[in-house]
C-alpha atoms as a PDB file:
ATOM      1  CA  MET A   1     -15.448 -53.328   2.058  1.00  0.00           C
ATOM      2  CA  ARG A   2     -16.760 -51.005   4.738  1.00  0.00           C
ATOM      3  CA  ILE A   3     -17.284 -48.161   2.270  1.00  0.00           C
ATOM      4  CA  GLY A   4     -19.192 -50.490  -0.065  1.00  0.00           C
ATOM      5  CA  LEU A   5     -21.441 -51.562   2.804  1.00  0.00           C
ATOM      6  CA  ASP A   6     -22.043 -47.940   3.778  1.00  0.00           C
ATOM      7  CA  ILE A   7     -23.001 -47.114   0.190  1.00  0.00           C
ATOM      8  CA  ALA A   8     -25.360 -50.095   0.016  1.00  0.00           C
ATOM      9  CA  SER A   9     -26.955 -49.264   3.366  1.00  0.00           C
ATOM     10  CA  THR A  10     -27.425 -45.622   2.397  1.00  0.00           C
ATOM     11  CA  ALA A  11     -29.080 -46.612  -0.885  1.00  0.00           C
ATOM     12  CA  LEU A  12     -31.312 -49.287   0.656  1.00  0.00           C
ATOM     13  CA  GLU A  13     -32.496 -46.956   3.414  1.00  0.00           C
ATOM     14  CA  ARG A  14     -32.942 -44.136   0.855  1.00  0.00           C
ATOM     15  CA  GLN A  15     -30.906 -41.784   3.031  1.00  0.00           C
ATOM     16  CA  ALA A  16     -29.444 -39.881   0.060  1.00  0.00           C
ATOM     17  CA  ASP A  17     -30.401 -38.786  -3.442  1.00  0.00           C
ATOM     18  CA  VAL A  18     -26.804 -38.633  -4.667  1.00  0.00           C
ATOM     19  CA  ILE A  19     -23.641 -40.459  -3.630  1.00  0.00           C
ATOM     20  CA  VAL A  20     -20.261 -39.059  -4.676  1.00  0.00           C
ATOM     21  CA  LEU A  21     -17.399 -41.534  -4.399  1.00  0.00           C
ATOM     22  CA  MET A  22     -13.793 -40.393  -4.611  1.00  0.00           C
ATOM     23  CA  SER A  23     -12.146 -43.519  -5.941  1.00  0.00           C
ATOM     24  CA  GLY A  24     -11.625 -45.279  -9.205  1.00  0.00           C
ATOM     25  CA  VAL A  25     -11.265 -48.933  -8.357  1.00  0.00           C
ATOM     26  CA  ALA A  26     -13.538 -51.691  -9.604  1.00  0.00           C
ATOM     27  CA  ASP A  27     -14.276 -52.798  -6.016  1.00  0.00           C
ATOM     28  CA  PHE A  28     -17.277 -50.458  -5.993  1.00  0.00           C
ATOM     29  CA  VAL A  29     -19.100 -51.789  -9.080  1.00  0.00           C
ATOM     30  CA  GLN A  30     -21.682 -53.714  -7.051  1.00  0.00           C
ATOM     31  CA  ALA A  31     -22.320 -50.785  -4.702  1.00  0.00           C
ATOM     32  CA  ALA A  32     -22.779 -48.451  -7.692  1.00  0.00           C
ATOM     33  CA  LYS A  33     -25.180 -50.885  -9.377  1.00  0.00           C
ATOM     34  CA  LEU A  34     -27.258 -51.290  -6.223  1.00  0.00           C
ATOM     35  CA  SER A  35     -27.409 -47.536  -5.646  1.00  0.00           C
ATOM     36  CA  ARG A  36     -28.640 -46.856  -9.158  1.00  0.00           C
ATOM     37  CA  ARG A  37     -31.244 -49.636  -8.948  1.00  0.00           C
ATOM     38  CA  LYS A  38     -32.581 -47.946  -5.810  1.00  0.00           C
ATOM     39  CA  GLY A  39     -32.808 -44.564  -7.548  1.00  0.00           C
ATOM     40  CA  VAL A  40     -29.710 -42.959  -6.040  1.00  0.00           C
ATOM     41  CA  LYS A  41     -27.481 -41.071  -8.487  1.00  0.00           C
ATOM     42  CA  PHE A  42     -23.907 -42.331  -8.314  1.00  0.00           C
ATOM     43  CA  ILE A  43     -21.212 -39.798  -9.187  1.00  0.00           C
ATOM     44  CA  LEU A  44     -17.565 -40.777  -9.346  1.00  0.00           C
ATOM     45  CA  ASP A  45     -14.501 -38.595  -8.800  1.00  0.00           C
ATOM     46  CA  PRO A  46     -11.488 -40.795  -9.637  1.00  0.00           C
ATOM     47  CA  LEU A  47      -9.003 -38.001  -8.829  1.00  0.00           C
ATOM     48  CA  TRP A  48      -7.901 -37.856 -12.486  1.00  0.00           C
ATOM     49  CA  GLN A  49      -7.074 -41.573 -12.669  1.00  0.00           C
ATOM     50  CA  ASP A  50      -8.362 -43.952 -15.341  1.00  0.00           C
ATOM     51  CA  ILE A  51     -11.271 -46.102 -14.240  1.00  0.00           C
ATOM     52  CA  PRO A  52     -12.208 -49.634 -15.294  1.00  0.00           C
ATOM     53  CA  VAL A  53     -14.856 -49.939 -18.028  1.00  0.00           C
ATOM     54  CA  GLY A  54     -16.948 -52.122 -15.709  1.00  0.00           C
ATOM     55  CA  LEU A  55     -17.198 -49.280 -13.216  1.00  0.00           C
ATOM     56  CA  HIS A  56     -17.745 -46.574 -15.830  1.00  0.00           C
ATOM     57  CA  GLU A  57     -20.901 -48.245 -17.131  1.00  0.00           C
ATOM     58  CA  HIS A  58     -22.502 -48.206 -13.653  1.00  0.00           C
ATOM     59  CA  ILE A  59     -22.141 -44.523 -12.765  1.00  0.00           C
ATOM     60  CA  ASP A  60     -24.343 -41.524 -13.515  1.00  0.00           C
ATOM     61  CA  GLY A  61     -21.562 -38.972 -13.771  1.00  0.00           C
ATOM     62  CA  LEU A  62     -17.824 -38.514 -13.765  1.00  0.00           C
ATOM     63  CA  THR A  63     -16.331 -35.340 -12.345  1.00  0.00           C
ATOM     64  CA  SER A  64     -13.470 -33.940 -10.338  1.00  0.00           C
ATOM     65  CA  GLY A  65     -13.606 -31.325  -7.637  1.00  0.00           C
ATOM     66  CA  PHE A  66      -9.867 -30.793  -7.878  1.00  0.00           C
ATOM     67  CA  SER A  67      -7.607 -29.316 -10.527  1.00  0.00           C
ATOM     68  CA  ARG A  68      -5.605 -31.763 -12.581  1.00  0.00           C
ATOM     69  CA  PRO A  69      -2.147 -32.079 -10.995  1.00  0.00           C
ATOM     70  CA  ARG A  70       0.774 -30.805 -13.036  1.00  0.00           C
ATOM     71  CA  ARG A  71       3.623 -33.119 -13.832  1.00  0.00           C
ATOM     72  CA  ASP A  72       7.074 -31.613 -13.349  1.00  0.00           C
ATOM     73  CA  GLU A  73       9.183 -33.483 -15.874  1.00  0.00           C
ATOM     74  CA  GLY A  74      12.462 -32.156 -14.485  1.00  0.00           C
ATOM     75  CA  HIS A  75      11.612 -32.728 -10.825  1.00  0.00           C
ATOM     76  CA  GLN A  76      12.301 -36.044  -9.124  1.00  0.00           C
ATOM     77  CA  ALA A  77      10.963 -36.891  -5.691  1.00  0.00           C
ATOM     78  CA  SER A  78      13.609 -37.245  -3.033  1.00  0.00           C
ATOM     79  CA  ASN A  79      13.502 -40.070  -0.517  1.00  0.00           C
END
């Protein structure tokens, strides 16, 4: 909730031109919508995870600043 409030406050006060959020959960749909209505570009980096359609339609761009992680099929995590 705190991150959503920070995004909303930043957009309302016009303190940024672009917001980049590293998440992929639908909790940020309202913050993304508000940001875009206020003229702030909203870029999402979901860290290679799928994102909900409801969130995808309220962003200006989808990117990742990290390489896609490799999956080791033969390696199991130890506890």
